[in-house]
């Protein structure tokens, strides 16, 4: 492990970025790390102040999704810049959310932020092998400049002692199916809605935590729906711990060929059986029928059948969760990811 200081910078609050997994993991391994939250206004003034106390020999990490800080870091702080993109802003806002702006100006602006930040950075970190190929082609970045590091989980926030949560278990049988995630095209929430209705006459409780979920999307009468953000990571952890099955992204959206949803890592860390549409992103890491259960994308009947199978076969469900957790511990635990990140840092020193 190198001795040079590693400075993580972001516009987001602590814990928001996927880079927090690497920061906290490196800190726990004894690395010399510092976190700096940048205010979104008066950027030049802030970086002039930082330049007075920070060395150009430090390694600087631009945390996702703060890509537009990269030019300021390179100009004011030093040449050793790691851009933890994860995925591009252009993909997350323009391709996935169809936000183009007037005359496509927002799309152009977003693309240029990604392009410039990627070429100014010394190394670019992305979330998967498929993402690396896509990112390299889209932004004309040399493949040797790109490193793949899985998103993982900041485990400290999931280690709190289990506390009782007061959510409905309509049959008092702990047969609870959980979906947690934002409302967007990738979620396939309409498929989950339809699957819950197919299981309406059975003893299954659904918990849906989906910020932005429209009120016209309805579920079975045995469903608890929360359309707001869960306040803390420890609350999320306790919700997971109370569920028997977790459900991932159920659509066939193209982005899911490149991304591994955060909820997959959360389920893996907590050894929860995970059902998801069988997209190539998640299958880059986890094996269908061994570590996860895959369905046909956008297929409510297939999802309902897989839920029923895991509920009727608790031994098989437990084994799926344990296998997923084993893959996590062997391939993408916070310590493994932090060590890989620190190894990357040594290539810059």
Protein backbone atom coordinates (compact mmCIF):
# COMPACT_ATOMS: atom_id res chain seq x y z
CA UNK A 1 0.00 0.00 0.00
CA UNK A 2 1.35 3.42 -0.98
CA UNK A 3 1.83 6.15 1.61
CA UNK A 4 0.61 9.07 -0.49
CA UNK A 5 -2.53 10.79 0.71
CA UNK A 6 -5.75 10.02 -1.20
CA UNK A 7 -8.32 12.82 -1.29
CA UNK A 8 -11.92 12.01 -2.22
CA UNK A 9 -14.01 14.91 -3.52
CA UNK A 10 -17.72 15.14 -4.26
CA UNK A 11 -20.60 17.56 -4.49
CA UNK A 12 -22.86 15.03 -2.79
CA UNK A 13 -23.16 14.46 0.93
CA UNK A 14 -21.13 11.76 2.75
CA UNK A 15 -22.34 8.25 1.96
CA UNK A 16 -24.26 9.18 -1.21
CA UNK A 17 -21.70 8.18 -3.83
CA UNK A 18 -20.79 4.60 -4.70
CA UNK A 19 -17.19 5.77 -4.11
CA UNK A 20 -17.96 5.82 -0.37
CA UNK A 21 -17.49 2.05 -0.35
CA UNK A 22 -13.86 2.51 -1.45
CA UNK A 23 -13.24 5.52 0.81
CA UNK A 24 -14.51 3.84 3.95
CA UNK A 25 -12.89 0.53 3.02
CA UNK A 26 -9.51 2.19 2.44
CA UNK A 27 -9.84 4.09 5.72
CA UNK A 28 -10.47 0.86 7.61
CA UNK A 29 -7.35 -0.65 6.01
CA UNK A 30 -5.29 2.22 7.41
CA UNK A 31 -4.83 4.23 4.21
CA UNK A 32 -4.20 7.96 4.45
CA UNK A 33 -7.54 9.23 3.10
CA UNK A 34 -9.52 12.45 3.36
CA UNK A 35 -13.07 13.27 2.30
CA UNK A 36 -13.99 16.75 1.06
CA UNK A 37 -17.51 17.86 0.25
CA UNK A 38 -17.54 20.65 -2.34
CA UNK A 39 -20.38 23.18 -2.46
CA UNK A 40 -21.98 23.49 -5.87
CA UNK A 41 -21.46 27.25 -6.09
CA UNK A 42 -18.22 29.31 -6.16
CA UNK A 43 -16.17 26.32 -7.30
CA UNK A 44 -13.09 28.32 -8.32
CA UNK A 45 -12.92 30.04 -4.94
CA UNK A 46 -13.15 26.74 -3.08
CA UNK A 47 -10.42 25.11 -5.17
CA UNK A 48 -8.12 28.10 -4.72
CA UNK A 49 -8.47 27.65 -0.96
CA UNK A 50 -7.89 23.89 -1.22
CA UNK A 51 -4.77 24.42 -3.36
CA UNK A 52 -3.11 26.28 -0.49
CA UNK A 53 -3.25 23.30 1.88
CA UNK A 54 -3.18 20.26 -0.43
CA UNK A 55 -0.16 18.89 -2.29
CA UNK A 56 0.10 18.23 -6.00
CA UNK A 57 1.62 14.89 -5.02
CA UNK A 58 -1.66 13.69 -3.51
CA UNK A 59 -3.94 11.31 -5.42
CA UNK A 60 -7.35 12.85 -6.04
CA UNK A 61 -10.54 10.85 -6.50
CA UNK A 62 -13.54 12.48 -8.16
CA UNK A 63 -16.46 10.59 -6.66
CA UNK A 64 -19.49 9.69 -8.74
CA UNK A 65 -21.64 11.42 -9.83
CA UNK A 66 -19.52 14.60 -9.52
CA UNK A 67 -17.77 14.26 -12.87
CA UNK A 68 -17.71 17.98 -13.58
CA UNK A 69 -15.25 18.47 -10.71
CA UNK A 70 -12.53 16.68 -12.68
CA UNK A 71 -11.30 19.77 -14.62
CA UNK A 72 -11.07 21.79 -11.38
CA UNK A 73 -9.16 18.99 -9.66
CA UNK A 74 -6.73 18.61 -12.55
CA UNK A 75 -6.09 22.37 -12.91
CA UNK A 76 -5.98 23.44 -9.26
CA UNK A 77 -4.88 20.37 -7.27
CA UNK A 78 -2.70 18.01 -9.29
CA UNK A 79 -2.27 15.56 -12.16
CA UNK A 80 -3.04 12.29 -10.31
CA UNK A 81 -6.79 12.09 -10.83
CA UNK A 82 -8.99 9.00 -10.57
CA UNK A 83 -12.50 9.49 -11.93
CA UNK A 84 -14.83 7.00 -10.28
CA UNK A 85 -17.52 7.35 -12.91
CA UNK A 86 -19.28 4.05 -12.23
CA UNK A 87 -21.35 4.90 -15.28
CA UNK A 88 -21.54 8.09 -17.29
CA UNK A 89 -23.80 11.03 -16.54
CA UNK A 90 -24.81 10.85 -20.20
CA UNK A 91 -26.06 7.30 -19.73
CA UNK A 92 -27.79 8.02 -16.44
CA UNK A 93 -29.65 11.16 -17.55
CA UNK A 94 -29.83 11.20 -21.35
CA UNK A 95 -29.94 7.56 -22.42
CA UNK A 96 -31.77 6.13 -19.43
CA UNK A 97 -34.07 9.06 -18.52
CA UNK A 98 -34.48 10.55 -22.02
CA UNK A 99 -33.58 14.04 -20.81
CA UNK A 100 -32.32 15.84 -23.90
CA UNK A 101 -33.21 19.45 -23.12
CA UNK A 102 -34.12 22.16 -25.62
CA UNK A 103 -32.61 21.34 -29.02
CA UNK A 104 -30.62 18.57 -27.34
CA UNK A 105 -28.44 21.08 -25.50
CA UNK A 106 -28.70 19.26 -22.15
CA UNK A 107 -27.63 16.01 -23.79
CA UNK A 108 -24.67 17.74 -25.46
CA UNK A 109 -23.63 19.41 -22.21
CA UNK A 110 -23.82 16.12 -20.31
CA UNK A 111 -21.82 14.27 -22.96
CA UNK A 112 -19.10 16.93 -22.93
CA UNK A 113 -18.82 16.76 -19.13
CA UNK A 114 -18.24 13.00 -19.35
CA UNK A 115 -15.90 13.30 -22.33
CA UNK A 116 -13.72 16.07 -20.85
CA UNK A 117 -13.59 14.60 -17.33
CA UNK A 118 -12.66 11.16 -18.71
CA UNK A 119 -9.81 12.51 -20.82
CA UNK A 120 -8.46 14.75 -18.05
CA UNK A 121 -8.44 11.90 -15.51
CA UNK A 122 -5.46 9.59 -15.19
CA UNK A 123 -7.69 6.58 -14.59
CA UNK A 124 -11.43 6.00 -15.00
CA UNK A 125 -13.27 3.46 -12.81
CA UNK A 126 -16.53 1.89 -14.00
CA UNK A 127 -18.96 -0.64 -12.56
CA UNK A 128 -18.70 -3.67 -14.85
CA UNK A 129 -16.84 -5.20 -17.77
CA UNK A 130 -19.72 -4.50 -20.14
CA UNK A 131 -19.79 -0.91 -18.91
CA UNK A 132 -16.06 -0.60 -19.62
CA UNK A 133 -16.57 -1.62 -23.26
CA UNK A 134 -19.53 0.72 -23.69
CA UNK A 135 -17.79 3.64 -21.96
CA UNK A 136 -14.63 3.23 -24.02
CA UNK A 137 -16.55 3.34 -27.30
CA UNK A 138 -18.88 6.17 -26.30
CA UNK A 139 -16.20 8.57 -25.03
CA UNK A 140 -13.22 7.39 -27.10
CA UNK A 141 -11.28 6.43 -23.97
CA UNK A 142 -8.38 3.99 -24.24
CA UNK A 143 -9.41 0.67 -22.68
CA UNK A 144 -6.14 0.55 -20.72
CA UNK A 145 -7.20 3.71 -18.91
CA UNK A 146 -10.38 2.08 -17.60
CA UNK A 147 -10.54 -0.11 -14.48
CA UNK A 148 -13.54 -2.19 -13.43
CA UNK A 149 -14.51 -2.13 -9.76
CA UNK A 150 -17.88 -3.42 -8.60
CA UNK A 151 -20.09 -1.05 -6.61
CA UNK A 152 -20.40 -3.23 -3.50
CA UNK A 153 -21.77 -2.03 -0.17
CA UNK A 154 -20.43 0.21 2.57
CA UNK A 155 -20.73 -2.54 5.15
CA UNK A 156 -20.56 -0.31 8.22
CA UNK A 157 -24.02 1.03 7.46
CA UNK A 158 -25.40 -2.52 7.27
CA UNK A 159 -23.84 -3.82 10.49
CA UNK A 160 -26.18 -2.22 12.98
CA UNK A 161 -27.90 -4.60 15.39
CA UNK A 162 -31.29 -5.61 14.08
CA UNK A 163 -34.07 -3.44 15.45
CA UNK A 164 -37.76 -4.14 15.19
CA UNK A 165 -39.54 -2.38 12.35
CA UNK A 166 -43.28 -1.86 12.32
CA UNK A 167 -44.43 -2.78 8.83
CA UNK A 168 -47.40 -4.99 8.03
CA UNK A 169 -47.02 -8.74 7.65
CA UNK A 170 -50.58 -9.39 6.53
CA UNK A 171 -50.49 -13.14 7.27
CA UNK A 172 -48.02 -13.13 10.19
CA UNK A 173 -45.99 -15.80 8.39
CA UNK A 174 -42.85 -13.81 7.40
CA UNK A 175 -43.52 -14.52 3.70
CA UNK A 176 -42.50 -11.04 2.69
CA UNK A 177 -41.30 -10.00 -0.79
CA UNK A 178 -39.36 -6.74 -0.95
CA UNK A 179 -38.70 -4.34 -3.79
CA UNK A 180 -36.59 -1.25 -3.10
CA UNK A 181 -35.63 1.26 -5.76
CA UNK A 182 -36.50 4.44 -7.60
CA UNK A 183 -39.31 4.56 -10.11
CA UNK A 184 -37.79 4.49 -13.59
CA UNK A 185 -37.88 2.44 -16.77
CA UNK A 186 -35.30 -0.02 -15.47
CA UNK A 187 -37.25 -0.98 -12.37
CA UNK A 188 -39.98 -2.89 -14.16
CA UNK A 189 -42.28 -1.94 -11.30
CA UNK A 190 -45.33 -2.52 -13.51
CA UNK A 191 -44.26 -6.16 -13.79
CA UNK A 192 -43.95 -6.43 -10.01
CA UNK A 193 -47.39 -4.83 -9.67
CA UNK A 194 -48.92 -7.41 -12.01
CA UNK A 195 -47.12 -10.28 -10.27
CA UNK A 196 -48.46 -9.18 -6.87
CA UNK A 197 -51.99 -9.27 -8.27
CA UNK A 198 -51.43 -12.77 -9.65
CA UNK A 199 -50.55 -13.78 -6.06
CA UNK A 200 -53.44 -11.82 -4.55
CA UNK A 201 -55.23 -14.92 -3.28
CA UNK A 202 -52.11 -16.38 -1.68
CA UNK A 203 -50.48 -15.77 1.69
CA UNK A 204 -47.79 -13.38 0.41
CA UNK A 205 -47.02 -9.87 1.67
CA UNK A 206 -45.32 -7.37 -0.63
CA UNK A 207 -43.29 -4.38 0.56
CA UNK A 208 -42.69 -1.74 -2.10
CA UNK A 209 -40.30 1.12 -1.34
CA UNK A 210 -40.27 3.17 -4.53
CA UNK A 211 -39.72 6.96 -4.48
CA UNK A 212 -41.56 8.66 -7.33
CA UNK A 213 -43.98 5.77 -7.86
CA UNK A 214 -47.16 7.09 -9.53
CA UNK A 215 -50.35 6.54 -7.61
CA UNK A 216 -52.05 4.88 -10.57
CA UNK A 217 -49.78 1.84 -10.27
CA UNK A 218 -51.58 -0.52 -7.93
CA UNK A 219 -50.65 -3.77 -6.23
CA UNK A 220 -52.34 -6.67 -4.47
CA UNK A 221 -54.41 -5.84 -1.42
CA UNK A 222 -51.66 -7.41 0.70
CA UNK A 223 -49.05 -4.83 -0.28
CA UNK A 224 -47.44 -2.08 1.76
CA UNK A 225 -46.36 0.80 -0.49
CA UNK A 226 -43.95 3.59 0.49
CA UNK A 227 -43.38 6.28 -2.14
CA UNK A 228 -40.77 8.25 -0.17
CA UNK A 229 -37.05 7.77 0.46
CA UNK A 230 -35.96 5.61 3.38
CA UNK A 231 -34.12 7.94 5.74
CA UNK A 232 -30.97 5.97 6.63
CA UNK A 233 -28.90 3.04 5.39
CA UNK A 234 -29.47 1.26 8.70
CA UNK A 235 -33.24 1.53 8.15
CA UNK A 236 -32.78 0.01 4.69
CA UNK A 237 -30.75 -2.79 6.23
CA UNK A 238 -33.45 -3.58 8.78
CA UNK A 239 -36.11 -3.63 6.07
CA UNK A 240 -34.02 -6.13 4.12
CA UNK A 241 -33.48 -8.28 7.20
CA UNK A 242 -37.25 -8.54 7.74
CA UNK A 243 -37.97 -9.68 4.17
CA UNK A 244 -37.72 -13.27 2.98
CA UNK A 245 -37.22 -12.55 -0.75
CA UNK A 246 -35.86 -9.48 -2.56
CA UNK A 247 -36.75 -8.47 -6.09
CA UNK A 248 -34.40 -6.60 -8.42
CA UNK A 249 -34.89 -4.73 -11.70
CA UNK A 250 -37.51 -6.55 -13.72
CA UNK A 251 -37.34 -4.80 -17.10
CA UNK A 252 -35.26 -5.58 -20.16
CA UNK A 253 -33.92 -2.03 -20.46
CA UNK A 254 -30.62 -1.89 -22.36
CA UNK A 255 -28.81 -0.22 -19.48
CA UNK A 256 -29.26 -3.41 -17.48
CA UNK A 257 -26.86 -5.15 -19.87
CA UNK A 258 -24.12 -2.97 -18.34
CA UNK A 259 -25.12 -2.20 -14.78
CA UNK A 260 -25.34 -4.32 -11.63
CA UNK A 261 -28.01 -2.67 -9.45
CA UNK A 262 -26.97 -1.63 -5.95
CA UNK A 263 -29.81 -3.69 -4.51
CA UNK A 264 -28.12 -6.84 -5.80
CA UNK A 265 -25.05 -6.13 -3.65
CA UNK A 266 -27.26 -5.30 -0.65
CA UNK A 267 -29.10 -8.61 -1.01
CA UNK A 268 -25.82 -10.48 -1.47
CA UNK A 269 -24.28 -8.94 1.63
CA UNK A 270 -27.33 -9.91 3.70
CA UNK A 271 -27.71 -13.37 2.05
CA UNK A 272 -31.24 -12.65 0.86
CA UNK A 273 -32.63 -14.70 -2.06
CA UNK A 274 -32.71 -12.37 -5.08
CA UNK A 275 -35.05 -12.57 -8.07
CA UNK A 276 -34.28 -10.43 -11.09
CA UNK A 277 -34.80 -10.20 -14.83
CA UNK A 278 -31.99 -12.17 -16.44
CA UNK A 279 -30.04 -9.29 -17.92
CA UNK A 280 -26.35 -9.68 -18.76
CA UNK A 281 -25.27 -6.96 -16.31
CA UNK A 282 -26.19 -8.82 -13.14
CA UNK A 283 -25.19 -12.18 -14.70
CA UNK A 284 -21.65 -10.87 -15.21
CA UNK A 285 -21.17 -11.44 -11.48
CA UNK A 286 -23.94 -13.74 -10.22
CA UNK A 287 -24.93 -17.14 -11.65
CA UNK A 288 -28.57 -17.91 -12.44
CA UNK A 289 -30.13 -20.80 -10.46
CA UNK A 290 -27.06 -20.97 -8.21
CA UNK A 291 -26.66 -17.49 -6.71
CA UNK A 292 -29.72 -15.65 -8.05
CA UNK A 293 -33.02 -16.55 -9.67
CA UNK A 294 -33.60 -15.01 -13.10
CA UNK A 295 -36.90 -14.47 -14.89
CA UNK A 296 -37.83 -13.35 -18.35
CA UNK A 297 -37.78 -9.56 -18.49
CA UNK A 298 -41.17 -7.85 -18.14
CA UNK A 299 -42.88 -11.19 -17.47
CA UNK A 300 -45.23 -10.97 -14.47
CA UNK A 301 -46.30 -14.60 -14.67
CA UNK A 302 -42.72 -15.84 -14.60
CA UNK A 303 -41.95 -13.56 -11.65
CA UNK A 304 -45.00 -14.81 -9.74
CA UNK A 305 -43.96 -18.43 -10.38
CA UNK A 306 -40.41 -17.80 -9.15
CA UNK A 307 -41.68 -16.04 -6.00
CA UNK A 308 -44.04 -18.92 -5.30
CA UNK A 309 -41.23 -21.45 -5.85
CA UNK A 310 -38.89 -19.78 -3.34
CA UNK A 311 -41.65 -19.37 -0.76
CA UNK A 312 -42.68 -23.02 -1.13
CA UNK A 313 -39.06 -24.21 -0.97
CA UNK A 314 -37.37 -22.38 1.91
CA UNK A 315 -34.35 -24.69 1.78
CA UNK A 316 -33.69 -23.80 -1.85
CA UNK A 317 -34.25 -20.12 -1.10
CA UNK A 318 -31.80 -20.24 1.80
CA UNK A 319 -29.18 -21.91 -0.40
CA UNK A 320 -29.57 -19.26 -3.13
CA UNK A 321 -29.04 -16.52 -0.53
CA UNK A 322 -26.03 -18.26 0.99
CA UNK A 323 -24.43 -18.82 -2.42
CA UNK A 324 -24.95 -15.19 -3.35
CA UNK A 325 -23.39 -14.13 -0.07
CA UNK A 326 -20.41 -16.44 -0.69
CA UNK A 327 -19.85 -14.85 -4.11
CA UNK A 328 -20.01 -11.44 -2.44
CA UNK A 329 -17.46 -12.37 0.23
CA UNK A 330 -15.10 -13.90 -2.34
CA UNK A 331 -15.42 -11.30 -5.10
CA UNK A 332 -16.80 -7.94 -4.01
CA UNK A 333 -16.71 -7.44 -0.25
CA UNK A 334 -15.77 -3.97 0.90
CA UNK A 335 -12.28 -5.11 1.88
CA UNK A 336 -11.65 -6.78 -1.48
CA UNK A 337 -12.84 -3.70 -3.38
CA UNK A 338 -10.84 -1.34 -1.16
CA UNK A 339 -7.66 -3.35 -1.65
CA UNK A 340 -8.23 -3.33 -5.42
CA UNK A 341 -8.76 0.41 -5.29
CA UNK A 342 -5.57 0.97 -3.30
CA UNK A 343 -3.67 -1.20 -5.79
CA UNK A 344 -4.96 1.09 -8.54
CA UNK A 345 -3.70 4.10 -6.59
CA UNK A 346 -0.18 2.66 -6.47
CA UNK A 347 -0.05 2.74 -10.27
CA UNK A 348 -0.31 6.54 -10.09
CA UNK A 349 2.36 7.12 -7.43
